[in-house]
Amino acid sequence: MTLKTTLATLIATATLAIGTQASAAALDQFKSFVAGTKSARGDFTQTQLRKTTAGKAAPPSTGTFVFARPGKFIWTYQKPFEQVLQADGDTLYLYDKDLNQVTTRKLGNALGSSPAAILFGSNDLEKNFTLAEAGTRDGLEWLSATPKTKDTTFEQIGIGLKDGVPQAMELKDNFGQTTLLKFTSFQRNPSLGAQTFKFEVPKGAEVSHQ
């Protein structure tokens, strides 16, 4: 699966086992985060946990994100390839710098049961996901989010929290592949300008609509 495919699937596809007493606060932490976080920014590292045919792990991708609920975000891959996925609440833009190509589509209900809804969507997550405690692992309190709809690429999404903030997400798809996202420098409710999410088509870029 290419970075571009992973990115588009992560964000745009239309589409937590009861833990110990110590992890019982995970669901409360998450609900508090969703209710109290209208916007955020930070850095991420994305790793495909499956191995390549050569037996080597795929190289991680790194970048930045910024979002404002609901449906406004900029997800920027910086390494190893430069790509941007951006939404202004109405339209989703995918920009591939190497190809100098922009693909657009209506955002509509695309976030519904996708992993992106957890960070970028509305607060009504339990409409689309079954949430449950998933214990403590790697110093984080984990939740499991299972999409209620069958029409989704992902069969389960894990959310790891610490101090009331998501630190990691595990995305398990229907093909047996797992993508791990780790978040750092997480800033809640930063001041964002009115034009932050307005997409400007790069000079000379080819634009296609889906």
Protein backbone atom coordinates (compact mmCIF):
# COMPACT_ATOMS: atom_id res chain seq x y z
CA MET A 1 0.00 0.00 0.00
CA THR A 2 1.53 3.32 -1.02
CA LEU A 3 1.80 6.37 1.24
CA LYS A 4 -0.72 8.16 -0.91
CA THR A 5 -3.19 5.27 -0.66
CA THR A 6 -2.66 4.96 3.09
CA LEU A 7 -3.16 8.68 3.56
CA ALA A 8 -6.30 8.85 1.48
CA THR A 9 -7.74 5.75 3.16
CA LEU A 10 -6.87 7.02 6.63
CA ILE A 11 -8.62 10.31 6.18
CA ALA A 12 -11.25 10.00 3.49
CA THR A 13 -12.67 6.48 3.39
CA ALA A 14 -16.35 6.40 4.34
CA THR A 15 -15.80 4.29 5.87
CA LEU A 16 -11.92 -0.37 22.41
CA ALA A 17 -12.23 -5.95 26.10
CA ILE A 18 -12.63 -4.56 29.62
CA GLY A 19 -9.29 -3.47 31.10
CA THR A 20 -7.94 -3.36 34.63
CA GLN A 21 -9.14 -0.87 37.20
CA ALA A 22 -6.06 1.25 36.44
CA SER A 23 -7.14 1.65 32.83
CA ALA A 24 -10.81 2.32 33.59
CA ALA A 25 -10.25 6.04 33.07
CA ALA A 26 -9.26 5.62 29.42
CA LEU A 27 -12.80 6.06 28.08
CA ASP A 28 -13.41 9.01 30.37
CA GLN A 29 -10.12 10.56 29.25
CA PHE A 30 -11.10 10.17 25.64
CA LYS A 31 -14.60 11.57 26.02
CA SER A 32 -13.14 14.53 27.92
CA PHE A 33 -10.61 15.08 25.16
CA VAL A 34 -13.28 15.04 22.46
CA ALA A 35 -15.60 17.36 24.38
CA GLY A 36 -12.87 19.84 25.32
CA THR A 37 -10.72 19.91 22.19
CA LYS A 38 -12.04 22.08 19.41
CA SER A 39 -8.68 22.34 17.64
CA ALA A 40 -5.14 20.99 17.93
CA ARG A 41 -1.78 20.78 16.22
CA GLY A 42 1.29 18.62 16.55
CA ASP A 43 3.72 16.20 14.90
CA PHE A 44 3.23 12.58 13.91
CA THR A 45 5.18 9.48 12.94
CA GLN A 46 3.42 6.83 10.86
CA THR A 47 4.71 3.27 10.62
CA GLN A 48 3.38 0.29 8.68
CA LEU A 49 3.76 -2.67 11.05
CA ARG A 50 3.61 -5.24 8.26
CA LYS A 51 6.88 -6.28 6.60
CA THR A 52 7.79 -5.95 2.98
CA THR A 53 8.44 -8.94 0.72
CA ALA A 54 12.15 -8.44 1.36
CA GLY A 55 11.57 -8.93 5.07
CA LYS A 56 12.37 -5.34 6.01
CA ALA A 57 9.99 -3.01 7.78
CA ALA A 58 8.70 -0.18 5.64
CA PRO A 59 10.36 3.16 6.49
CA PRO A 60 8.31 5.45 8.75
CA SER A 61 6.74 8.66 7.54
CA THR A 62 6.81 11.89 9.52
CA GLY A 63 4.96 15.15 9.34
CA THR A 64 2.65 17.61 11.04
CA PHE A 65 -1.08 18.03 11.58
CA VAL A 66 -3.51 20.76 12.53
CA PHE A 67 -7.28 20.44 12.86
CA ALA A 68 -10.41 22.29 13.90
CA ARG A 69 -13.62 20.36 14.52
CA PRO A 70 -15.58 19.46 12.60
CA GLY A 71 -13.97 18.53 9.32
CA LYS A 72 -11.20 21.10 8.98
CA PHE A 73 -7.63 19.82 8.95
CA ILE A 74 -4.21 19.83 7.33
CA TRP A 75 -2.28 16.54 7.44
CA THR A 76 1.21 17.08 6.01
CA TYR A 77 3.69 14.36 5.14
CA GLN A 78 7.23 15.79 5.12
CA LYS A 79 9.38 12.65 4.87
CA PRO A 80 10.07 10.51 2.93
CA PHE A 81 7.66 12.10 0.43
CA GLU A 82 5.95 15.46 0.55
CA GLN A 83 2.16 15.18 0.42
CA VAL A 84 -0.66 17.20 1.92
CA LEU A 85 -4.21 16.24 2.75
CA GLN A 86 -6.35 19.24 3.58
CA ALA A 87 -10.04 19.87 4.22
CA ASP A 88 -11.89 23.14 4.68
CA GLY A 89 -15.08 21.57 6.02
CA ASP A 90 -16.60 21.14 2.56
CA THR A 91 -13.88 19.92 0.20
CA LEU A 92 -11.01 17.48 0.62
CA TYR A 93 -7.75 18.22 -1.22
CA LEU A 94 -4.92 15.74 -1.75
CA TYR A 95 -1.71 17.34 -3.02
CA ASP A 96 1.24 15.27 -4.26
CA LYS A 97 4.25 17.56 -4.55
CA ASP A 98 6.35 15.18 -6.68
CA LEU A 99 3.57 14.91 -9.25
CA ASN A 100 2.48 18.53 -8.72
CA GLN A 101 -1.06 17.19 -8.75
CA VAL A 102 -4.14 18.06 -6.69
CA THR A 103 -7.11 15.72 -6.33
CA THR A 104 -10.33 17.09 -4.84
CA ARG A 105 -13.55 15.51 -3.63
CA LYS A 106 -16.54 16.60 -1.58
CA LEU A 107 -15.96 15.91 2.10
CA GLY A 108 -19.62 15.11 2.73
CA ASN A 109 -19.96 12.23 5.20
CA ALA A 110 -16.57 10.78 4.27
CA LEU A 111 -15.22 11.12 7.82
CA GLY A 112 -18.11 9.13 9.34
CA SER A 113 -16.58 5.74 10.25
CA SER A 114 -13.01 6.51 9.24
CA PRO A 115 -10.14 6.85 11.74
CA ALA A 116 -9.98 10.54 10.89
CA ALA A 117 -13.36 11.09 12.53
CA ILE A 118 -11.76 10.42 15.92
CA LEU A 119 -9.51 13.45 15.59
CA PHE A 120 -11.20 15.67 13.05
CA GLY A 121 -14.89 14.79 13.04
CA SER A 122 -17.88 15.72 15.17
CA ASN A 123 -18.29 14.85 18.85
CA ASP A 124 -20.94 12.19 18.13
CA LEU A 125 -18.42 9.33 17.86
CA GLU A 126 -20.60 6.67 19.46
CA LYS A 127 -22.99 7.01 16.55
CA ASN A 128 -20.37 5.42 14.28
CA PHE A 129 -18.13 3.48 16.70
CA THR A 130 -18.48 1.04 19.59
CA LEU A 131 -16.03 2.24 22.24
CA ALA A 132 -14.57 0.02 25.01
CA GLU A 133 -11.62 -0.15 27.40
CA ALA A 134 -8.58 -2.05 26.09
CA GLY A 135 -6.15 -2.06 29.02
CA THR A 136 -2.72 -0.57 29.61
CA ARG A 137 0.18 -1.02 27.23
CA ASP A 138 3.45 0.85 26.59
CA GLY A 139 2.61 3.32 29.36
CA LEU A 140 -0.67 4.33 27.69
CA GLU A 141 -4.32 3.70 28.51
CA TRP A 142 -5.94 2.16 25.43
CA LEU A 143 -9.41 2.20 23.96
CA SER A 144 -10.76 0.10 21.13
CA ALA A 145 -13.05 1.74 18.58
CA THR A 146 -14.94 -0.69 16.35
CA PRO A 147 -16.85 0.79 13.39
CA LYS A 148 -20.56 -0.03 13.51
CA THR A 149 -20.91 -0.01 9.74
CA LYS A 150 -19.69 -2.91 7.62
CA ASP A 151 -18.79 -0.59 4.76
CA THR A 152 -15.37 0.45 6.06
CA THR A 153 -11.75 -0.40 5.30
CA PHE A 154 -10.82 -0.63 8.99
CA GLU A 155 -12.01 -3.38 11.33
CA GLN A 156 -10.62 -1.87 14.55
CA ILE A 157 -8.94 1.30 15.74
CA GLY A 158 -6.90 1.51 18.94
CA ILE A 159 -6.41 4.83 20.73
CA GLY A 160 -3.64 5.20 23.31
CA LEU A 161 -4.00 8.08 25.79
CA LYS A 162 -1.91 9.67 28.49
CA ASP A 163 -2.79 12.71 30.60
CA GLY A 164 -6.00 13.14 28.64
CA VAL A 165 -4.35 13.43 25.23
CA PRO A 166 -4.07 10.85 22.41
CA GLN A 167 -0.47 9.69 22.11
CA ALA A 168 -0.94 6.90 19.56
CA MET A 169 -3.43 5.20 17.24
CA GLU A 170 -3.33 1.67 15.82
CA LEU A 171 -5.32 1.14 12.65
CA LYS A 172 -6.09 -2.47 11.71
CA ASP A 173 -7.54 -2.87 8.25
CA ASN A 174 -9.44 -5.68 6.58
CA PHE A 175 -6.29 -6.90 4.82
CA GLY A 176 -4.42 -7.79 8.01
CA GLN A 177 -2.23 -4.69 7.92
CA THR A 178 -1.65 -2.43 10.92
CA THR A 179 -0.64 1.21 10.79
CA LEU A 180 0.76 2.85 13.93
CA LEU A 181 0.53 6.61 14.42
CA LYS A 182 2.43 8.32 17.25
CA PHE A 183 1.71 11.94 18.16
CA THR A 184 4.16 14.38 19.73
CA SER A 185 4.17 18.11 20.52
CA PHE A 186 0.37 17.90 20.87
CA GLN A 187 -1.11 21.37 21.44
CA ARG A 188 -4.79 21.60 22.36
CA ASN A 189 -6.94 24.51 21.25
CA PRO A 190 -4.25 26.71 19.68
CA SER A 191 -5.26 30.02 18.16
CA LEU A 192 -5.89 29.47 14.45
CA GLY A 193 -6.47 32.13 11.83
CA ALA A 194 -9.67 32.28 9.79
CA GLN A 195 -7.78 31.37 6.62
CA THR A 196 -5.77 28.48 8.12
CA PHE A 197 -7.65 25.78 6.22
CA LYS A 198 -8.16 27.57 2.93
CA PHE A 199 -6.38 25.53 0.27
CA GLU A 200 -4.33 27.37 -2.34
CA VAL A 201 -3.61 25.37 -5.47
CA PRO A 202 0.18 25.39 -6.06
CA LYS A 203 1.33 27.18 -9.19
CA GLY A 204 1.18 24.96 -12.26
CA ALA A 205 -0.44 22.03 -10.43
CA GLU A 206 -2.81 19.74 -12.34
CA VAL A 207 -6.21 19.57 -10.65
CA SER A 208 -8.62 16.64 -10.95
CA HIS A 209 -12.05 16.20 -9.31
CA GLN A 210 -13.56 12.98 -7.98
